[in-house]
Amino acid sequence: MSDIKRVTDLARVSPPDDVTEQVNGPREDATVDYEFGIQSPMLMRLHDLWRRKHHDGDLPGRSDFDPVEMKDCLGHIFILEYVPDIDNFRYTLIGTKMVTWLGVDNTGKLVDEIFDDRMRLFYKGLQERKVPVRTTGPVAWRGKEHVSYELVVLPLSEDKRIVNRFIGAMEFHMKC
């Protein structure tokens, strides 16, 4: 399982050996990548910033990120907050470039209001295992099969241990 070892090396995360079997992809048509073969320079910068803030096994919190240091990412960023009372996640921020590409602003909506339960379970698995992930696939859920995406999802924690948010970013590309 070299993919798990690479994530551990990059982010000093120690996921269990079964992480790839238990954290299913967000969609059936998505590819999940724990090796972080990130193609987008912008997504690489966000991932590197998260790694620099991930100290001695402590996860970074939202307050550790200054918008100025990631200004080239802002339009692509989303923040997802865990809502424990209903065991779901709410989009508290969605960047303007994401809204433009997707044609809808889902800020304030729960994950299962937008997607099927598989997406909620995807985030739940990442939350439990405290692992970052990269996924790729077509934007089929918006009827835009001619557009593909690259997504990076990074866990955040206000107490440095329990994941209560994710910061992520998406880059979109027209398929050739």
N, C-alpha and C. Protein backbone atom coordinates (compact mmCIF):
# COMPACT_ATOMS: atom_id res chain seq x y z
N MET A 1 0.82 -1.19 0.00
CA MET A 1 0.00 0.00 0.00
C MET A 1 0.87 1.25 0.00
N SER A 2 1.55 1.47 -1.10
CA SER A 2 2.43 2.63 -1.19
C SER A 2 1.66 3.94 -1.12
N ASP A 3 0.38 3.93 -1.55
CA ASP A 3 -0.40 5.16 -1.52
C ASP A 3 -0.57 5.67 -0.09
N ILE A 4 -0.82 4.78 0.85
CA ILE A 4 -0.97 5.18 2.25
C ILE A 4 0.36 5.67 2.79
N LYS A 5 1.43 4.98 2.47
CA LYS A 5 2.74 5.40 2.95
C LYS A 5 3.06 6.81 2.45
N ARG A 6 2.73 7.11 1.20
CA ARG A 6 3.03 8.43 0.66
C ARG A 6 2.26 9.52 1.40
N VAL A 7 0.98 9.30 1.66
CA VAL A 7 0.22 10.28 2.43
C VAL A 7 0.83 10.46 3.80
N THR A 8 1.23 9.35 4.43
CA THR A 8 1.84 9.43 5.75
C THR A 8 3.13 10.24 5.69
N ASP A 9 3.94 10.00 4.66
CA ASP A 9 5.18 10.74 4.51
C ASP A 9 4.92 12.23 4.29
N LEU A 10 3.96 12.55 3.44
CA LEU A 10 3.71 13.94 3.09
C LEU A 10 3.07 14.73 4.21
N ALA A 11 2.12 14.12 4.90
CA ALA A 11 1.33 14.89 5.84
C ALA A 11 1.49 14.43 7.28
N ARG A 12 2.37 13.51 7.51
CA ARG A 12 2.59 12.94 8.84
C ARG A 12 1.28 12.47 9.47
N VAL A 13 0.48 11.81 8.65
CA VAL A 13 -0.78 11.23 9.09
C VAL A 13 -0.57 9.73 9.17
N SER A 14 -1.16 9.08 10.15
CA SER A 14 -1.02 7.64 10.28
C SER A 14 -2.37 6.95 10.13
N PRO A 15 -2.88 6.87 8.89
CA PRO A 15 -4.16 6.21 8.70
C PRO A 15 -4.02 4.71 8.87
N PRO A 16 -5.11 4.02 9.21
CA PRO A 16 -5.04 2.57 9.32
C PRO A 16 -4.78 1.95 7.96
N ASP A 17 -4.31 0.70 7.96
CA ASP A 17 -3.97 0.01 6.72
C ASP A 17 -5.16 -0.14 5.79
N ASP A 18 -6.37 -0.13 6.30
CA ASP A 18 -7.55 -0.37 5.48
C ASP A 18 -8.17 0.91 4.93
N VAL A 19 -7.46 2.03 4.96
CA VAL A 19 -8.04 3.31 4.58
C VAL A 19 -8.59 3.31 3.16
N THR A 20 -7.88 2.70 2.21
CA THR A 20 -8.36 2.75 0.84
C THR A 20 -9.60 1.90 0.64
N GLU A 21 -9.78 0.85 1.42
CA GLU A 21 -10.98 0.06 1.29
C GLU A 21 -12.17 0.72 1.98
N GLN A 22 -11.93 1.45 3.06
CA GLN A 22 -13.03 1.97 3.85
C GLN A 22 -13.46 3.38 3.47
N VAL A 23 -12.59 4.17 2.89
CA VAL A 23 -12.98 5.50 2.46
C VAL A 23 -13.27 5.41 0.97
N ASN A 24 -14.53 5.15 0.65
CA ASN A 24 -14.94 5.02 -0.74
C ASN A 24 -14.91 6.38 -1.41
N GLY A 25 -14.89 6.35 -2.72
CA GLY A 25 -14.90 7.59 -3.48
C GLY A 25 -16.21 8.33 -3.29
N PRO A 26 -16.20 9.61 -3.56
CA PRO A 26 -17.41 10.41 -3.39
C PRO A 26 -18.49 10.07 -4.41
N ARG A 27 -18.08 9.49 -5.52
CA ARG A 27 -19.02 9.11 -6.57
C ARG A 27 -18.46 7.86 -7.25
N GLU A 28 -19.32 7.13 -7.90
CA GLU A 28 -18.85 5.93 -8.60
C GLU A 28 -17.93 6.28 -9.75
N ASP A 29 -18.10 7.45 -10.36
CA ASP A 29 -17.29 7.84 -11.50
C ASP A 29 -16.04 8.63 -11.11
N ALA A 30 -15.74 8.70 -9.80
CA ALA A 30 -14.57 9.45 -9.33
C ALA A 30 -13.40 8.51 -9.07
N THR A 31 -12.22 9.01 -9.28
CA THR A 31 -11.00 8.30 -8.94
C THR A 31 -10.46 8.89 -7.65
N VAL A 32 -10.17 8.03 -6.67
CA VAL A 32 -9.63 8.47 -5.39
C VAL A 32 -8.13 8.24 -5.41
N ASP A 33 -7.37 9.24 -5.00
CA ASP A 33 -5.91 9.19 -5.06
C ASP A 33 -5.32 9.58 -3.71
N TYR A 34 -4.76 8.60 -3.01
CA TYR A 34 -4.10 8.86 -1.74
C TYR A 34 -2.61 9.14 -1.94
N GLU A 35 -2.12 8.99 -3.17
CA GLU A 35 -0.71 9.28 -3.45
C GLU A 35 -0.49 10.75 -3.73
N PHE A 36 -1.55 11.47 -3.91
CA PHE A 36 -1.49 12.90 -4.17
C PHE A 36 -0.69 13.22 -5.42
N GLY A 37 -1.10 12.60 -6.52
CA GLY A 37 -0.53 12.92 -7.82
C GLY A 37 -1.18 14.18 -8.37
N ILE A 38 -1.13 15.25 -7.60
CA ILE A 38 -1.83 16.49 -7.96
C ILE A 38 -1.25 17.06 -9.25
N GLN A 39 -2.13 17.42 -10.17
CA GLN A 39 -1.73 18.01 -11.44
C GLN A 39 -1.77 19.53 -11.40
N SER A 40 -2.74 20.08 -10.72
CA SER A 40 -2.94 21.52 -10.69
C SER A 40 -1.92 22.21 -9.78
N PRO A 41 -1.17 23.18 -10.28
CA PRO A 41 -0.24 23.91 -9.43
C PRO A 41 -0.95 24.61 -8.25
N MET A 42 -2.16 25.13 -8.49
CA MET A 42 -2.90 25.80 -7.43
C MET A 42 -3.25 24.81 -6.31
N LEU A 43 -3.72 23.62 -6.69
CA LEU A 43 -4.04 22.61 -5.68
C LEU A 43 -2.78 22.12 -4.95
N MET A 44 -1.67 22.04 -5.67
CA MET A 44 -0.39 21.69 -5.02
C MET A 44 -0.04 22.71 -3.96
N ARG A 45 -0.20 24.00 -4.27
CA ARG A 45 0.12 25.05 -3.30
C ARG A 45 -0.77 24.96 -2.07
N LEU A 46 -2.06 24.70 -2.25
CA LEU A 46 -2.95 24.56 -1.10
C LEU A 46 -2.57 23.35 -0.26
N HIS A 47 -2.28 22.24 -0.90
CA HIS A 47 -1.86 21.04 -0.16
C HIS A 47 -0.56 21.28 0.59
N ASP A 48 0.39 21.94 -0.05
CA ASP A 48 1.67 22.26 0.62
C ASP A 48 1.45 23.18 1.81
N LEU A 49 0.57 24.16 1.67
CA LEU A 49 0.25 25.08 2.77
C LEU A 49 -0.34 24.29 3.94
N TRP A 50 -1.28 23.38 3.67
CA TRP A 50 -1.88 22.54 4.71
C TRP A 50 -0.80 21.70 5.39
N ARG A 51 0.10 21.11 4.61
CA ARG A 51 1.18 20.29 5.19
C ARG A 51 2.07 21.11 6.12
N ARG A 52 2.37 22.34 5.73
CA ARG A 52 3.21 23.20 6.57
C ARG A 52 2.53 23.54 7.89
N LYS A 53 1.22 23.53 7.92
CA LYS A 53 0.47 23.86 9.13
C LYS A 53 0.11 22.62 9.95
N HIS A 54 0.45 21.46 9.46
CA HIS A 54 0.17 20.17 10.10
C HIS A 54 1.40 19.81 10.94
N HIS A 55 1.39 20.18 12.23
CA HIS A 55 2.58 20.03 13.07
C HIS A 55 2.48 18.86 14.04
N ASP A 56 3.51 18.03 14.06
CA ASP A 56 3.65 16.97 15.06
C ASP A 56 2.36 16.17 15.29
N GLY A 57 1.68 15.82 14.22
CA GLY A 57 0.46 15.04 14.32
C GLY A 57 -0.78 15.84 14.61
N ASP A 58 -0.63 17.14 14.91
CA ASP A 58 -1.78 18.01 15.16
C ASP A 58 -2.31 18.55 13.84
N LEU A 59 -3.61 18.41 13.65
CA LEU A 59 -4.24 18.95 12.45
C LEU A 59 -4.37 20.46 12.55
N PRO A 60 -4.25 21.16 11.43
CA PRO A 60 -4.49 22.60 11.47
C PRO A 60 -5.98 22.89 11.60
N GLY A 61 -6.29 24.07 12.11
CA GLY A 61 -7.67 24.54 12.19
C GLY A 61 -7.92 25.60 11.14
N ARG A 62 -9.16 25.96 10.98
CA ARG A 62 -9.51 26.99 10.00
C ARG A 62 -8.78 28.29 10.30
N SER A 63 -8.64 28.63 11.57
CA SER A 63 -7.99 29.89 11.95
C SER A 63 -6.50 29.91 11.62
N ASP A 64 -5.93 28.77 11.28
CA ASP A 64 -4.51 28.72 10.90
C ASP A 64 -4.26 29.22 9.48
N PHE A 65 -5.33 29.41 8.72
CA PHE A 65 -5.20 29.81 7.33
C PHE A 65 -5.56 31.28 7.16
N ASP A 66 -4.65 32.02 6.57
CA ASP A 66 -4.85 33.44 6.29
C ASP A 66 -5.21 33.56 4.81
N PRO A 67 -6.33 34.16 4.48
CA PRO A 67 -6.71 34.30 3.07
C PRO A 67 -5.63 34.94 2.21
N VAL A 68 -4.82 35.81 2.79
CA VAL A 68 -3.76 36.46 2.02
C VAL A 68 -2.74 35.45 1.51
N GLU A 69 -2.43 34.43 2.31
CA GLU A 69 -1.42 33.46 1.89
C GLU A 69 -1.95 32.45 0.87
N MET A 70 -3.23 32.49 0.60
CA MET A 70 -3.78 31.56 -0.39
C MET A 70 -4.71 32.29 -1.37
N LYS A 71 -4.38 33.53 -1.65
CA LYS A 71 -5.26 34.35 -2.47
C LYS A 71 -5.47 33.78 -3.87
N ASP A 72 -4.50 33.06 -4.42
CA ASP A 72 -4.69 32.48 -5.75
C ASP A 72 -5.65 31.29 -5.73
N CYS A 73 -5.95 30.78 -4.54
CA CYS A 73 -6.85 29.63 -4.39
C CYS A 73 -8.28 30.04 -4.05
N LEU A 74 -8.49 31.24 -3.58
CA LEU A 74 -9.76 31.62 -2.94
C LEU A 74 -11.00 31.33 -3.78
N GLY A 75 -10.96 31.59 -5.06
CA GLY A 75 -12.13 31.33 -5.89
C GLY A 75 -12.46 29.87 -6.06
N HIS A 76 -11.48 29.02 -5.75
CA HIS A 76 -11.63 27.57 -5.94
C HIS A 76 -11.93 26.83 -4.63
N ILE A 77 -11.88 27.54 -3.52
CA ILE A 77 -11.96 26.90 -2.20
C ILE A 77 -13.39 26.67 -1.75
N PHE A 78 -13.55 25.60 -0.98
CA PHE A 78 -14.79 25.39 -0.23
C PHE A 78 -14.43 24.99 1.18
N ILE A 79 -15.30 25.31 2.11
CA ILE A 79 -15.14 24.87 3.50
C ILE A 79 -16.41 24.14 3.88
N LEU A 80 -16.19 22.99 4.48
CA LEU A 80 -17.27 22.11 4.90
C LEU A 80 -17.18 21.97 6.40
N GLU A 81 -18.29 22.17 7.09
CA GLU A 81 -18.32 22.10 8.55
C GLU A 81 -19.18 20.90 8.97
N TYR A 82 -18.68 20.14 9.94
CA TYR A 82 -19.43 19.01 10.46
C TYR A 82 -20.55 19.50 11.36
N VAL A 83 -21.75 18.93 11.17
CA VAL A 83 -22.92 19.25 11.99
C VAL A 83 -23.25 17.99 12.78
N PRO A 84 -22.74 17.87 14.01
CA PRO A 84 -22.86 16.61 14.76
C PRO A 84 -24.30 16.22 15.10
N ASP A 85 -25.18 17.19 15.31
CA ASP A 85 -26.57 16.86 15.69
C ASP A 85 -27.27 16.01 14.64
N ILE A 86 -26.88 16.19 13.38
CA ILE A 86 -27.51 15.42 12.31
C ILE A 86 -26.52 14.55 11.54
N ASP A 87 -25.28 14.48 12.03
CA ASP A 87 -24.22 13.67 11.42
C ASP A 87 -24.12 13.95 9.93
N ASN A 88 -23.95 15.22 9.61
CA ASN A 88 -23.86 15.64 8.23
C ASN A 88 -22.85 16.78 8.12
N PHE A 89 -22.64 17.26 6.93
CA PHE A 89 -21.68 18.32 6.68
C PHE A 89 -22.38 19.45 5.91
N ARG A 90 -22.04 20.69 6.26
CA ARG A 90 -22.64 21.86 5.62
C ARG A 90 -21.53 22.68 4.94
N TYR A 91 -21.82 23.10 3.71
CA TYR A 91 -20.91 23.99 2.99
C TYR A 91 -21.05 25.39 3.57
N THR A 92 -20.01 25.88 4.22
CA THR A 92 -20.07 27.22 4.80
C THR A 92 -19.42 28.26 3.89
N LEU A 93 -18.67 27.82 2.91
CA LEU A 93 -18.04 28.73 1.95
C LEU A 93 -17.82 27.97 0.65
N ILE A 94 -18.16 28.59 -0.44
CA ILE A 94 -17.88 28.03 -1.77
C ILE A 94 -17.36 29.17 -2.63
N GLY A 95 -16.18 28.98 -3.19
CA GLY A 95 -15.54 30.02 -3.99
C GLY A 95 -16.30 30.38 -5.25
N THR A 96 -16.09 31.59 -5.70
CA THR A 96 -16.81 32.12 -6.86
C THR A 96 -16.48 31.36 -8.15
N LYS A 97 -15.26 30.89 -8.30
CA LYS A 97 -14.91 30.14 -9.52
C LYS A 97 -15.61 28.79 -9.54
N MET A 98 -15.79 28.19 -8.37
CA MET A 98 -16.56 26.94 -8.30
C MET A 98 -18.01 27.20 -8.69
N VAL A 99 -18.57 28.27 -8.16
CA VAL A 99 -19.96 28.62 -8.47
C VAL A 99 -20.12 28.86 -9.97
N THR A 100 -19.18 29.56 -10.57
CA THR A 100 -19.24 29.84 -12.01
C THR A 100 -19.22 28.55 -12.82
N TRP A 101 -18.29 27.64 -12.51
CA TRP A 101 -18.19 26.39 -13.26
C TRP A 101 -19.40 25.50 -13.05
N LEU A 102 -19.89 25.44 -11.82
CA LEU A 102 -20.99 24.53 -11.52
C LEU A 102 -22.36 25.12 -11.81
N GLY A 103 -22.44 26.45 -11.86
CA GLY A 103 -23.70 27.10 -12.18
C GLY A 103 -24.67 27.19 -11.01
N VAL A 104 -24.18 26.96 -9.79
CA VAL A 104 -25.04 27.03 -8.61
C VAL A 104 -24.17 27.32 -7.39
N ASP A 105 -24.71 28.09 -6.45
CA ASP A 105 -24.02 28.37 -5.19
C ASP A 105 -24.71 27.56 -4.09
N ASN A 106 -24.02 26.56 -3.59
CA ASN A 106 -24.58 25.69 -2.56
C ASN A 106 -24.14 26.07 -1.15
N THR A 107 -23.65 27.28 -0.97
CA THR A 107 -23.26 27.74 0.36
C THR A 107 -24.46 27.63 1.30
N GLY A 108 -24.22 27.05 2.47
CA GLY A 108 -25.27 26.89 3.47
C GLY A 108 -26.02 25.57 3.37
N LYS A 109 -25.82 24.84 2.30
CA LYS A 109 -26.54 23.57 2.12
C LYS A 109 -25.76 22.41 2.71
N LEU A 110 -26.52 21.39 3.12
CA LEU A 110 -25.94 20.15 3.61
C LEU A 110 -25.51 19.29 2.42
N VAL A 111 -24.51 18.45 2.65
CA VAL A 111 -24.00 17.59 1.60
C VAL A 111 -25.12 16.73 1.02
N ASP A 112 -25.96 16.15 1.88
CA ASP A 112 -27.00 15.27 1.34
C ASP A 112 -28.18 16.01 0.73
N GLU A 113 -28.18 17.34 0.79
CA GLU A 113 -29.17 18.12 0.04
C GLU A 113 -28.73 18.27 -1.42
N ILE A 114 -27.46 18.09 -1.66
CA ILE A 114 -26.89 18.28 -2.99
C ILE A 114 -26.57 16.95 -3.67
N PHE A 115 -25.99 16.04 -2.90
CA PHE A 115 -25.54 14.75 -3.41
C PHE A 115 -26.29 13.62 -2.72
N ASP A 116 -26.03 12.41 -3.19
CA ASP A 116 -26.60 11.25 -2.50
C ASP A 116 -25.79 10.95 -1.25
N ASP A 117 -26.22 9.95 -0.50
CA ASP A 117 -25.57 9.65 0.79
C ASP A 117 -24.12 9.20 0.64
N ARG A 118 -23.74 8.75 -0.54
CA ARG A 118 -22.36 8.31 -0.75
C ARG A 118 -21.37 9.45 -0.46
N MET A 119 -21.72 10.67 -0.83
CA MET A 119 -20.82 11.81 -0.59
C MET A 119 -20.68 12.08 0.91
N ARG A 120 -21.78 12.03 1.64
CA ARG A 120 -21.72 12.21 3.10
C ARG A 120 -20.84 11.14 3.72
N LEU A 121 -20.99 9.91 3.27
CA LEU A 121 -20.17 8.80 3.80
C LEU A 121 -18.70 8.96 3.43
N PHE A 122 -18.44 9.52 2.26
CA PHE A 122 -17.07 9.81 1.85
C PHE A 122 -16.42 10.77 2.85
N TYR A 123 -17.10 11.88 3.14
CA TYR A 123 -16.56 12.84 4.11
C TYR A 123 -16.49 12.24 5.51
N LYS A 124 -17.45 11.43 5.87
CA LYS A 124 -17.45 10.78 7.18
C LYS A 124 -16.21 9.89 7.32
N GLY A 125 -15.90 9.13 6.27
CA GLY A 125 -14.70 8.29 6.28
C GLY A 125 -13.43 9.08 6.42
N LEU A 126 -13.35 10.20 5.71
CA LEU A 126 -12.16 11.06 5.83
C LEU A 126 -12.07 11.67 7.22
N GLN A 127 -13.22 12.02 7.77
CA GLN A 127 -13.26 12.60 9.12
C GLN A 127 -12.74 11.60 10.14
N GLU A 128 -13.19 10.39 10.08
CA GLU A 128 -12.79 9.36 11.04
C GLU A 128 -11.31 9.02 10.94
N ARG A 129 -10.80 9.03 9.72
CA ARG A 129 -9.41 8.61 9.51
C ARG A 129 -8.43 9.77 9.46
N LYS A 130 -8.96 11.01 9.44
CA LYS A 130 -8.13 12.22 9.48
C LYS A 130 -7.13 12.28 8.34
N VAL A 131 -7.57 11.85 7.16
CA VAL A 131 -6.66 11.81 6.02
C VAL A 131 -7.08 12.80 4.94
N PRO A 132 -6.10 13.39 4.27
CA PRO A 132 -6.40 14.20 3.09
C PRO A 132 -6.58 13.29 1.89
N VAL A 133 -7.20 13.80 0.85
CA VAL A 133 -7.41 12.98 -0.35
C VAL A 133 -7.52 13.88 -1.57
N ARG A 134 -7.21 13.30 -2.70
CA ARG A 134 -7.39 13.95 -4.01
C ARG A 134 -8.32 13.05 -4.81
N THR A 135 -9.28 13.65 -5.49
CA THR A 135 -10.14 12.88 -6.39
C THR A 135 -10.22 13.60 -7.73
N THR A 136 -10.56 12.83 -8.75
CA THR A 136 -10.75 13.37 -10.08
C THR A 136 -11.95 12.68 -10.72
N GLY A 137 -12.52 13.33 -11.70
CA GLY A 137 -13.62 12.71 -12.41
C GLY A 137 -14.38 13.72 -13.25
N PRO A 138 -15.46 13.26 -13.90
CA PRO A 138 -16.28 14.16 -14.69
C PRO A 138 -17.27 14.92 -13.81
N VAL A 139 -17.69 16.09 -14.24
CA VAL A 139 -18.68 16.88 -13.51
C VAL A 139 -20.08 16.41 -13.95
N ALA A 140 -20.29 15.10 -13.91
CA ALA A 140 -21.53 14.50 -14.40
C ALA A 140 -22.73 14.88 -13.55
N TRP A 141 -22.50 15.17 -12.27
CA TRP A 141 -23.63 15.48 -11.40
C TRP A 141 -24.30 16.81 -11.76
N ARG A 142 -23.68 17.61 -12.56
CA ARG A 142 -24.28 18.87 -13.02
C ARG A 142 -24.59 18.80 -14.51
N GLY A 143 -24.54 17.59 -15.07
CA GLY A 143 -24.83 17.43 -16.50
C GLY A 143 -23.76 18.05 -17.37
N LYS A 144 -22.54 18.12 -16.85
CA LYS A 144 -21.43 18.73 -17.60
C LYS A 144 -20.34 17.69 -17.81
N GLU A 145 -20.69 16.58 -18.45
CA GLU A 145 -19.75 15.49 -18.67
C GLU A 145 -18.53 15.93 -19.48
N HIS A 146 -18.62 17.05 -20.18
CA HIS A 146 -17.51 17.57 -20.97
C HIS A 146 -16.49 18.31 -20.11
N VAL A 147 -16.79 18.44 -18.80
CA VAL A 147 -15.88 19.10 -17.86
C VAL A 147 -15.38 18.07 -16.86
N SER A 148 -14.09 18.10 -16.58
CA SER A 148 -13.54 17.24 -15.54
C SER A 148 -13.04 18.11 -14.39
N TYR A 149 -12.86 17.47 -13.24
CA TYR A 149 -12.39 18.21 -12.08
C TYR A 149 -11.24 17.48 -11.41
N GLU A 150 -10.48 18.23 -10.66
CA GLU A 150 -9.48 17.70 -9.74
C GLU A 150 -9.80 18.36 -8.40
N LEU A 151 -9.91 17.57 -7.37
CA LEU A 151 -10.35 18.02 -6.06
C LEU A 151 -9.35 17.58 -5.00
N VAL A 152 -9.04 18.47 -4.07
CA VAL A 152 -8.23 18.14 -2.91
C VAL A 152 -9.07 18.48 -1.68
N VAL A 153 -9.18 17.51 -0.76
CA VAL A 153 -9.93 17.70 0.49
C VAL A 153 -8.95 17.49 1.64
N LEU A 154 -8.88 18.48 2.55
CA LEU A 154 -7.90 18.48 3.63
C LEU A 154 -8.62 18.65 4.97
N PRO A 155 -8.39 17.74 5.93
CA PRO A 155 -9.08 17.83 7.22
C PRO A 155 -8.57 18.97 8.09
N LEU A 156 -9.49 19.58 8.83
CA LEU A 156 -9.17 20.64 9.78
C LEU A 156 -9.76 20.29 11.15
N SER A 157 -9.15 20.83 12.19
CA SER A 157 -9.63 20.56 13.54
C SER A 157 -9.34 21.76 14.44
N GLU A 158 -10.35 22.25 15.10
CA GLU A 158 -10.15 23.36 16.01
C GLU A 158 -9.38 22.93 17.26
N ASP A 159 -9.56 21.68 17.70
CA ASP A 159 -8.82 21.21 18.87
C ASP A 159 -7.56 20.44 18.49
N LYS A 160 -7.23 20.42 17.19
CA LYS A 160 -6.02 19.80 16.63
C LYS A 160 -6.11 18.28 16.55
N ARG A 161 -7.21 17.68 16.98
CA ARG A 161 -7.33 16.21 17.00
C ARG A 161 -8.58 15.69 16.29
N ILE A 162 -9.74 16.28 16.59
CA ILE A 162 -11.01 15.79 16.05
C ILE A 162 -11.38 16.64 14.83
N VAL A 163 -11.57 15.99 13.69
CA VAL A 163 -11.89 16.70 12.46
C VAL A 163 -13.31 17.26 12.54
N ASN A 164 -13.41 18.58 12.48
CA ASN A 164 -14.73 19.22 12.50
C ASN A 164 -14.98 20.07 11.25
N ARG A 165 -13.99 20.15 10.36
CA ARG A 165 -14.14 20.88 9.10
C ARG A 165 -13.20 20.27 8.07
N PHE A 166 -13.49 20.62 6.84
CA PHE A 166 -12.57 20.33 5.74
C PHE A 166 -12.39 21.61 4.95
N ILE A 167 -11.18 21.81 4.47
CA ILE A 167 -10.94 22.84 3.46
C ILE A 167 -10.59 22.07 2.20
N GLY A 168 -11.15 22.49 1.12
CA GLY A 168 -10.87 21.82 -0.14
C GLY A 168 -10.86 22.83 -1.27
N ALA A 169 -10.43 22.37 -2.41
CA ALA A 169 -10.44 23.22 -3.60
C ALA A 169 -10.62 22.33 -4.82
N MET A 170 -11.24 22.91 -5.84
CA MET A 170 -11.46 22.22 -7.11
C MET A 170 -10.90 23.04 -8.25
N GLU A 171 -10.32 22.33 -9.19
CA GLU A 171 -9.87 22.93 -10.44
C GLU A 171 -10.66 22.22 -11.53
N PHE A 172 -11.17 22.98 -12.48
CA PHE A 172 -11.99 22.43 -13.55
C PHE A 172 -11.25 22.54 -14.88
N HIS A 173 -11.51 21.56 -15.77
CA HIS A 173 -10.87 21.54 -17.09
C HIS A 173 -11.89 21.04 -18.12
N MET A 174 -11.87 21.63 -19.26
CA MET A 174 -12.66 21.11 -20.39
C MET A 174 -11.96 19.86 -20.89
N LYS A 175 -12.71 18.79 -21.12
CA LYS A 175 -12.12 17.56 -21.66
C LYS A 175 -11.87 17.76 -23.16
N CYS A 176 -10.80 17.16 -23.59
CA CYS A 176 -10.48 17.23 -25.04
C CYS A 176 -11.09 16.06 -25.76
